[in-house]
Amino acid sequence: MTFDTVKEVILDCLKCNEEDIVPEAELAADLGADSLDGVDLIMALEDRFNITFPEDAAINMRTVGDIVAYIDSVNK
């Protein structure tokens, strides 16, 4: 399941609590990600899923659910 894998990557990249990682969680506001964390997270997700995030897509991803939806859309 995409969500579980995304959750693992987030746990590896961000210093946050596992129970805080839910689809509605905002990366910055709820999980404490800053811009550098965002770059690291995108790179880790690209490696894990073997995909590339276009810059405009990455900028618009604000929640965990946004990330999952994007990955699911390119992995159809």
C-alpha atoms as a PDB file:
ATOM      1  CA  MET A   1       0.000   0.000   0.000  1.00  0.00           C
ATOM      2  CA  THR A   2       1.371   3.382  -1.007  1.00  0.00           C
ATOM      3  CA  PHE A   3       0.450   5.111   2.252  1.00  0.00           C
ATOM      4  CA  ASP A   4       2.456   2.665   4.367  1.00  0.00           C
ATOM      5  CA  THR A   5       5.562   3.100   2.228  1.00  0.00           C
ATOM      6  CA  VAL A   6       5.211   6.897   2.219  1.00  0.00           C
ATOM      7  CA  LYS A   7       4.828   6.762   5.998  1.00  0.00           C
ATOM      8  CA  GLU A   8       8.086   4.793   6.310  1.00  0.00           C
ATOM      9  CA  VAL A   9       9.936   7.338   4.159  1.00  0.00           C
ATOM     10  CA  ILE A  10       8.524  10.237   6.187  1.00  0.00           C
ATOM     11  CA  LEU A  11       9.627   8.568   9.417  1.00  0.00           C
ATOM     12  CA  ASP A  12      13.131   8.179   7.983  1.00  0.00           C
ATOM     13  CA  CYS A  13      13.320  11.816   6.832  1.00  0.00           C
ATOM     14  CA  LEU A  14      11.462  13.807   9.475  1.00  0.00           C
ATOM     15  CA  LYS A  15      11.674  13.877  13.212  1.00  0.00           C
ATOM     16  CA  CYS A  16       8.002  13.278  13.918  1.00  0.00           C
ATOM     17  CA  ASN A  17       5.811  10.791  15.710  1.00  0.00           C
ATOM     18  CA  GLU A  18       4.469   7.857  13.735  1.00  0.00           C
ATOM     19  CA  GLU A  19       0.925   8.435  14.989  1.00  0.00           C
ATOM     20  CA  ASP A  20       1.014  11.974  13.549  1.00  0.00           C
ATOM     21  CA  ILE A  21       1.470  10.655  10.011  1.00  0.00           C
ATOM     22  CA  VAL A  22      -2.073  10.486   8.668  1.00  0.00           C
ATOM     23  CA  PRO A  23      -3.358  11.417   5.194  1.00  0.00           C
ATOM     24  CA  GLU A  24      -4.642  14.794   6.434  1.00  0.00           C
ATOM     25  CA  ALA A  25      -1.356  15.753   8.133  1.00  0.00           C
ATOM     26  CA  GLU A  26       0.290  18.836   6.670  1.00  0.00           C
ATOM     27  CA  LEU A  27       4.003  18.358   6.127  1.00  0.00           C
ATOM     28  CA  ALA A  28       5.006  21.746   7.543  1.00  0.00           C
ATOM     29  CA  ALA A  29       2.313  22.562  10.081  1.00  0.00           C
ATOM     30  CA  ASP A  30       1.716  19.095  11.530  1.00  0.00           C
ATOM     31  CA  LEU A  31       4.957  17.204  10.879  1.00  0.00           C
ATOM     32  CA  GLY A  32       7.422  20.076  11.246  1.00  0.00           C
ATOM     33  CA  ALA A  33       9.015  19.849   7.802  1.00  0.00           C
ATOM     34  CA  ASP A  34      10.945  22.893   6.616  1.00  0.00           C
ATOM     35  CA  SER A  35      11.993  23.549   3.016  1.00  0.00           C
ATOM     36  CA  LEU A  36      15.197  21.512   3.324  1.00  0.00           C
ATOM     37  CA  ASP A  37      13.247  18.606   4.833  1.00  0.00           C
ATOM     38  CA  GLY A  38      10.876  18.845   1.874  1.00  0.00           C
ATOM     39  CA  VAL A  39      13.722  18.495  -0.600  1.00  0.00           C
ATOM     40  CA  ASP A  40      15.161  15.520   1.304  1.00  0.00           C
ATOM     41  CA  LEU A  41      11.730  13.919   1.485  1.00  0.00           C
ATOM     42  CA  ILE A  42      11.076  14.318  -2.247  1.00  0.00           C
ATOM     43  CA  MET A  43      14.481  12.830  -3.073  1.00  0.00           C
ATOM     44  CA  ALA A  44      13.867   9.880  -0.759  1.00  0.00           C
ATOM     45  CA  LEU A  45      10.414   9.292  -2.260  1.00  0.00           C
ATOM     46  CA  GLU A  46      11.833   9.456  -5.787  1.00  0.00           C
ATOM     47  CA  ASP A  47      14.412   6.814  -4.857  1.00  0.00           C
ATOM     48  CA  ARG A  48      11.924   4.590  -3.061  1.00  0.00           C
ATOM     49  CA  PHE A  49       9.245   4.664  -5.774  1.00  0.00           C
ATOM     50  CA  ASN A  50      11.603   5.066  -8.749  1.00  0.00           C
ATOM     51  CA  ILE A  51       9.717   8.121 -10.000  1.00  0.00           C
ATOM     52  CA  THR A  52      10.475  11.806 -10.548  1.00  0.00           C
ATOM     53  CA  PHE A  53       8.422  14.575  -9.011  1.00  0.00           C
ATOM     54  CA  PRO A  54       8.070  17.575 -11.338  1.00  0.00           C
ATOM     55  CA  GLU A  55       8.915  20.780  -9.474  1.00  0.00           C
ATOM     56  CA  ASP A  56       5.358  22.117  -9.716  1.00  0.00           C
ATOM     57  CA  ALA A  57       3.920  18.885  -8.304  1.00  0.00           C
ATOM     58  CA  ALA A  58       6.363  18.864  -5.398  1.00  0.00           C
ATOM     59  CA  ILE A  59       5.576  22.478  -4.511  1.00  0.00           C
ATOM     60  CA  ASN A  60       1.836  21.749  -4.380  1.00  0.00           C
ATOM     61  CA  MET A  61       2.141  18.757  -2.041  1.00  0.00           C
ATOM     62  CA  ARG A  62       1.107  20.005   1.347  1.00  0.00           C
ATOM     63  CA  THR A  63      -0.273  16.877   3.000  1.00  0.00           C
ATOM     64  CA  VAL A  64       0.668  13.226   3.272  1.00  0.00           C
ATOM     65  CA  GLY A  65      -2.459  12.474   1.253  1.00  0.00           C
ATOM     66  CA  ASP A  66      -1.243  14.746  -1.560  1.00  0.00           C
ATOM     67  CA  ILE A  67       1.948  12.699  -1.803  1.00  0.00           C
ATOM     68  CA  VAL A  68       0.082   9.386  -1.819  1.00  0.00           C
ATOM     69  CA  ALA A  69      -2.370  10.625  -4.475  1.00  0.00           C
ATOM     70  CA  TYR A  70       0.447  11.821  -6.737  1.00  0.00           C
ATOM     71  CA  ILE A  71       2.381   8.559  -6.440  1.00  0.00           C
ATOM     72  CA  ASP A  72      -0.759   6.525  -7.108  1.00  0.00           C
ATOM     73  CA  SER A  73      -1.517   8.670 -10.176  1.00  0.00           C
ATOM     74  CA  VAL A  74       1.870   8.001 -11.768  1.00  0.00           C
ATOM     75  CA  ASN A  75       1.977   4.325 -10.810  1.00  0.00           C
ATOM     76  CA  LYS A  76      -1.279   3.299 -12.499  1.00  0.00           C
END
